[in-house]
Protein backbone atom coordinates (compact mmCIF):
# COMPACT_ATOMS: atom_id res chain seq x y z
CA MET A 1 -17.36 -44.20 22.18
CA ASN A 2 -15.39 -42.78 25.12
CA ILE A 3 -17.19 -40.62 27.69
CA LEU A 4 -16.00 -38.77 30.77
CA ILE A 5 -18.46 -37.85 33.53
CA ALA A 6 -17.74 -35.39 36.35
CA ASP A 7 -20.38 -35.08 39.07
CA ASP A 8 -19.91 -35.10 42.84
CA HIS A 9 -23.07 -37.14 43.48
CA PRO A 10 -22.23 -40.87 43.15
CA ILE A 11 -25.85 -41.98 42.81
CA PHE A 12 -26.44 -39.54 39.95
CA ARG A 13 -23.21 -40.68 38.24
CA SER A 14 -24.28 -44.31 38.56
CA GLY A 15 -27.62 -43.48 36.97
CA LEU A 16 -25.92 -41.75 34.05
CA LYS A 17 -23.54 -44.63 33.54
CA PHE A 18 -26.36 -47.20 33.58
CA LEU A 19 -28.35 -45.17 31.04
CA LEU A 20 -25.37 -44.68 28.73
CA GLU A 21 -24.32 -48.34 28.80
CA ALA A 22 -27.90 -49.39 28.06
CA SER A 23 -28.20 -46.93 25.16
CA PHE A 24 -24.89 -47.23 23.29
CA ASN A 25 -22.79 -50.17 22.11
CA GLU A 26 -19.01 -50.27 22.57
CA ILE A 27 -18.95 -47.50 25.15
CA HIS A 28 -16.22 -46.79 27.70
CA ILE A 29 -16.96 -44.48 30.64
CA ASN A 30 -14.63 -42.85 33.18
CA GLU A 31 -16.15 -41.19 36.24
CA PHE A 32 -14.85 -38.34 38.41
CA ASP A 33 -16.27 -36.63 41.47
CA ASN A 34 -14.61 -33.28 40.78
CA GLY A 35 -13.54 -31.12 37.87
CA GLN A 36 -9.82 -31.04 38.56
CA ASP A 37 -9.39 -34.81 38.34
CA LEU A 38 -11.21 -34.81 35.01
CA LEU A 39 -8.93 -32.03 33.74
CA ASP A 40 -5.84 -33.99 34.80
CA TYR A 41 -7.11 -37.13 33.07
CA SER A 42 -8.00 -35.26 29.87
CA GLU A 43 -4.42 -34.01 29.52
CA ASN A 44 -3.48 -37.35 27.98
CA ASN A 45 -6.87 -38.62 26.88
CA SER A 46 -9.29 -37.34 24.25
CA PRO A 47 -12.84 -38.65 24.83
CA ASP A 48 -15.70 -38.17 22.41
CA ILE A 49 -18.00 -36.70 25.04
CA ILE A 50 -17.43 -34.92 28.36
CA ILE A 51 -20.40 -34.49 30.71
CA LEU A 52 -19.94 -31.86 33.43
CA ASP A 53 -22.07 -30.97 36.41
CA ILE A 54 -21.96 -27.23 37.13
CA ASP A 55 -21.83 -27.41 40.93
CA MET A 56 -18.73 -29.34 41.97
CA PRO A 57 -16.03 -28.80 44.61
CA GLY A 58 -12.76 -27.25 43.51
CA LYS A 59 -13.46 -26.29 39.93
CA ASN A 60 -17.07 -26.02 38.81
CA GLY A 61 -18.30 -27.32 35.49
CA LEU A 62 -18.16 -23.95 33.73
CA GLU A 63 -14.55 -23.41 34.80
CA VAL A 64 -13.59 -26.89 33.60
CA CYS A 65 -15.45 -26.30 30.33
CA LYS A 66 -13.55 -23.05 29.73
CA GLU A 67 -10.17 -24.63 30.49
CA LEU A 68 -10.86 -27.50 28.11
CA THR A 69 -11.96 -25.07 25.41
CA ASP A 70 -8.89 -22.87 25.92
CA LYS A 71 -6.73 -25.97 25.49
CA LYS A 72 -8.47 -26.65 22.15
CA CYS A 73 -10.00 -29.87 23.46
CA MET A 74 -11.85 -31.58 20.60
CA SER A 75 -14.33 -33.40 22.87
CA LYS A 76 -17.97 -32.36 22.79
CA ILE A 77 -18.91 -30.92 26.17
CA ILE A 78 -22.35 -31.26 27.74
CA ILE A 79 -23.23 -29.20 30.82
CA LEU A 80 -25.62 -30.58 33.44
CA SER A 81 -27.38 -27.99 35.55
CA MET A 82 -30.21 -27.38 37.98
CA TYR A 83 -30.54 -23.90 36.48
CA LYS A 84 -33.12 -23.14 33.81
CA ASP A 85 -32.29 -19.45 33.40
CA LEU A 86 -31.02 -17.92 30.19
CA GLU A 87 -27.92 -16.34 31.73
CA MET A 88 -26.51 -19.70 32.84
CA LEU A 89 -27.21 -21.08 29.37
CA LYS A 90 -25.31 -18.17 27.83
CA LEU A 91 -22.33 -18.81 30.10
CA ALA A 92 -22.27 -22.51 29.23
CA PHE A 93 -22.16 -21.91 25.50
CA PHE A 94 -19.77 -18.99 25.81
CA ASN A 95 -17.35 -21.24 27.70
CA GLY A 96 -17.46 -23.84 24.93
CA ALA A 97 -20.29 -26.24 25.70
CA SER A 98 -22.15 -27.96 22.87
CA GLY A 99 -25.07 -29.16 24.96
CA TYR A 100 -26.99 -27.95 28.01
CA LEU A 101 -29.23 -30.30 30.01
CA VAL A 102 -31.38 -29.63 33.06
CA LYS A 103 -30.86 -32.34 35.69
CA ASP A 104 -34.60 -32.84 36.23
CA ASN A 105 -34.93 -34.30 32.73
CA THR A 106 -31.44 -35.62 32.01
CA SER A 107 -32.50 -39.27 31.72
CA GLU A 108 -35.10 -38.38 29.09
CA GLU A 109 -32.84 -36.22 26.94
CA LEU A 110 -29.26 -37.41 27.39
CA VAL A 111 -29.16 -39.86 24.48
CA GLY A 112 -30.66 -37.35 22.05
CA CYS A 113 -28.30 -34.66 23.30
CA ILE A 114 -25.24 -36.85 22.71
CA GLN A 115 -26.41 -37.80 19.23
CA THR A 116 -26.99 -34.13 18.42
CA VAL A 117 -23.64 -32.78 19.61
CA LEU A 118 -21.73 -35.57 17.87
CA LEU A 119 -23.20 -34.23 14.63
CA GLY A 120 -21.63 -30.86 15.39
CA GLU A 121 -24.89 -29.23 16.46
CA THR A 122 -25.91 -27.66 19.76
CA TYR A 123 -28.53 -29.06 22.12
CA ILE A 124 -30.63 -27.08 24.59
CA ALA A 125 -32.80 -28.78 27.20
CA LYS A 126 -36.47 -28.90 26.25
CA GLY A 127 -37.42 -27.24 29.52
CA ILE A 128 -35.78 -23.98 28.47
CA ARG A 129 -35.53 -24.00 24.68
CA ASP A 130 -39.07 -22.64 24.23
CA GLN A 131 -38.82 -19.88 26.80
CA GLU A 132 -39.87 -16.51 25.43
CA GLN A 133 -36.50 -15.02 26.33
CA LEU A 134 -34.66 -17.77 24.46
CA ILE A 135 -36.79 -17.29 21.36
CA GLU A 136 -36.01 -13.58 21.45
CA TYR A 137 -32.34 -14.41 22.04
CA LYS A 138 -32.23 -16.57 18.90
CA ASP A 139 -34.26 -14.11 16.84
CA HIS A 140 -31.69 -11.40 17.47
CA SER A 141 -28.77 -13.72 16.62
CA LYS A 142 -27.38 -13.39 20.13
CA PHE A 143 -26.79 -17.11 20.20
CA GLN A 144 -23.62 -16.38 18.21
CA ILE A 145 -22.11 -14.22 20.99
CA ALA A 146 -19.43 -16.74 21.86
CA GLU A 147 -18.28 -16.94 18.24
CA LEU A 148 -18.24 -13.15 17.94
CA LEU A 149 -16.19 -12.71 21.11
CA THR A 150 -13.54 -15.15 19.90
CA SER A 151 -12.76 -12.68 17.10
CA LEU A 152 -11.61 -10.06 19.62
CA THR A 153 -7.97 -9.64 20.58
CA ARG A 154 -6.93 -9.82 24.23
CA THR A 155 -6.65 -6.01 24.35
CA GLU A 156 -10.11 -5.65 22.87
CA LEU A 157 -11.50 -8.12 25.42
CA LYS A 158 -9.90 -6.13 28.25
CA THR A 159 -11.41 -2.96 26.82
CA LEU A 160 -14.82 -4.64 26.57
CA LYS A 161 -14.69 -5.68 30.25
CA LEU A 162 -13.80 -2.14 31.28
CA VAL A 163 -16.60 -0.70 29.15
CA SER A 164 -18.99 -3.05 30.98
CA GLN A 165 -17.87 -1.36 34.21
CA LYS A 166 -19.15 1.95 32.76
CA LEU A 167 -15.66 3.48 32.64
CA SER A 168 -14.96 6.37 30.30
CA SER A 169 -12.43 6.16 27.48
CA LYS A 170 -10.06 8.32 29.58
CA GLU A 171 -10.36 5.98 32.58
CA ILE A 172 -9.81 2.95 30.34
CA ALA A 173 -6.80 4.59 28.73
CA ASP A 174 -5.23 5.22 32.14
CA LEU A 175 -5.76 1.59 33.20
CA LEU A 176 -4.34 0.18 29.95
CA PHE A 177 -1.49 2.74 29.78
CA VAL A 178 -2.47 3.86 26.28
CA SER A 179 -3.86 7.03 24.74
CA VAL A 180 -7.52 7.92 24.65
CA LYS A 181 -7.29 7.75 20.85
CA SER A 182 -6.13 4.13 21.11
CA VAL A 183 -9.11 3.26 23.31
CA GLU A 184 -11.46 4.89 20.82
CA ASN A 185 -9.87 2.77 18.09
CA TYR A 186 -10.33 -0.38 20.21
CA ARG A 187 -13.97 0.50 20.77
CA SER A 188 -14.50 1.11 17.07
CA ARG A 189 -12.94 -2.24 16.15
CA ILE A 190 -15.02 -4.04 18.79
CA CYS A 191 -18.21 -2.50 17.41
CA LYS A 192 -17.28 -3.61 13.92
CA LYS A 193 -16.57 -7.18 15.02
CA LEU A 194 -19.79 -7.34 17.06
CA ASN A 195 -21.82 -5.84 14.22
CA LEU A 196 -22.75 -2.80 16.29
CA ASP A 197 -23.28 0.81 15.31
CA ALA A 198 -20.36 2.72 16.83
CA ARG A 199 -22.67 5.64 17.61
CA ASN A 200 -25.41 6.17 20.18
CA ASN A 201 -23.75 4.22 23.01
CA SER A 202 -24.57 0.93 21.28
CA LEU A 203 -21.47 -0.76 22.71
CA LEU A 204 -22.34 0.21 26.29
CA LEU A 205 -25.91 -1.00 25.84
CA TRP A 206 -24.64 -4.28 24.38
CA VAL A 207 -22.21 -4.99 27.23
CA LEU A 208 -24.84 -4.20 29.84
CA ASP A 209 -27.23 -6.62 28.15
CA ASN A 210 -24.55 -9.34 28.12
CA LYS A 211 -22.67 -8.46 31.31
CA LEU A 212 -22.86 -11.92 32.85
CA ILE A 213 -21.07 -13.41 29.85
CA ILE A 214 -18.46 -10.65 29.82
CA ASP A 215 -17.82 -11.07 33.55
CA GLY A 216 -16.99 -14.70 32.80
CA ILE A 217 -14.15 -13.75 30.45
CA LYS A 218 -10.77 -14.55 31.97
């Protein structure tokens, strides 16, 4: 198994490497102290697992994750974070991560996380998976947001971002150089793809509820 690790703390990287080598046979690990070097290396290499710290100089882990996903990288990506909040979790999965670990408990969960994502499943750190917000998030099928957003065209994504800024259809039309009728059609198609009722401002309410994810769309 080939694994890439990007983290700017050498002691933490050493600990991860020791744990991985002790837990898996026939493993090869490459280490990087920043996201850009990992991106450059991955241009010609396709590891099984990529482990990314969020806070790194240059490109952070979420930016690297998104770039790898946009390039159709087949590696399973695991995000390491100090953050236990739901919004950061949403961003990680929206940008293409398969696993999300909190640094406080990485040594206890890393092996299980890798085994889980290699099976094509997602892994959420134990410290946040039972949060009330997360349970509600799953119950309302919002965990599929990333998949839903990939069904939108670039124009629809642009429209969605402008809706999240509380702009009217006329203001959006002026910015996109199209007619108001075209914007209304975009909004209607977005609602259909996101399984929303096109009436009663449901789209505006949805984007406000998920604004952090939408702001992360490039």
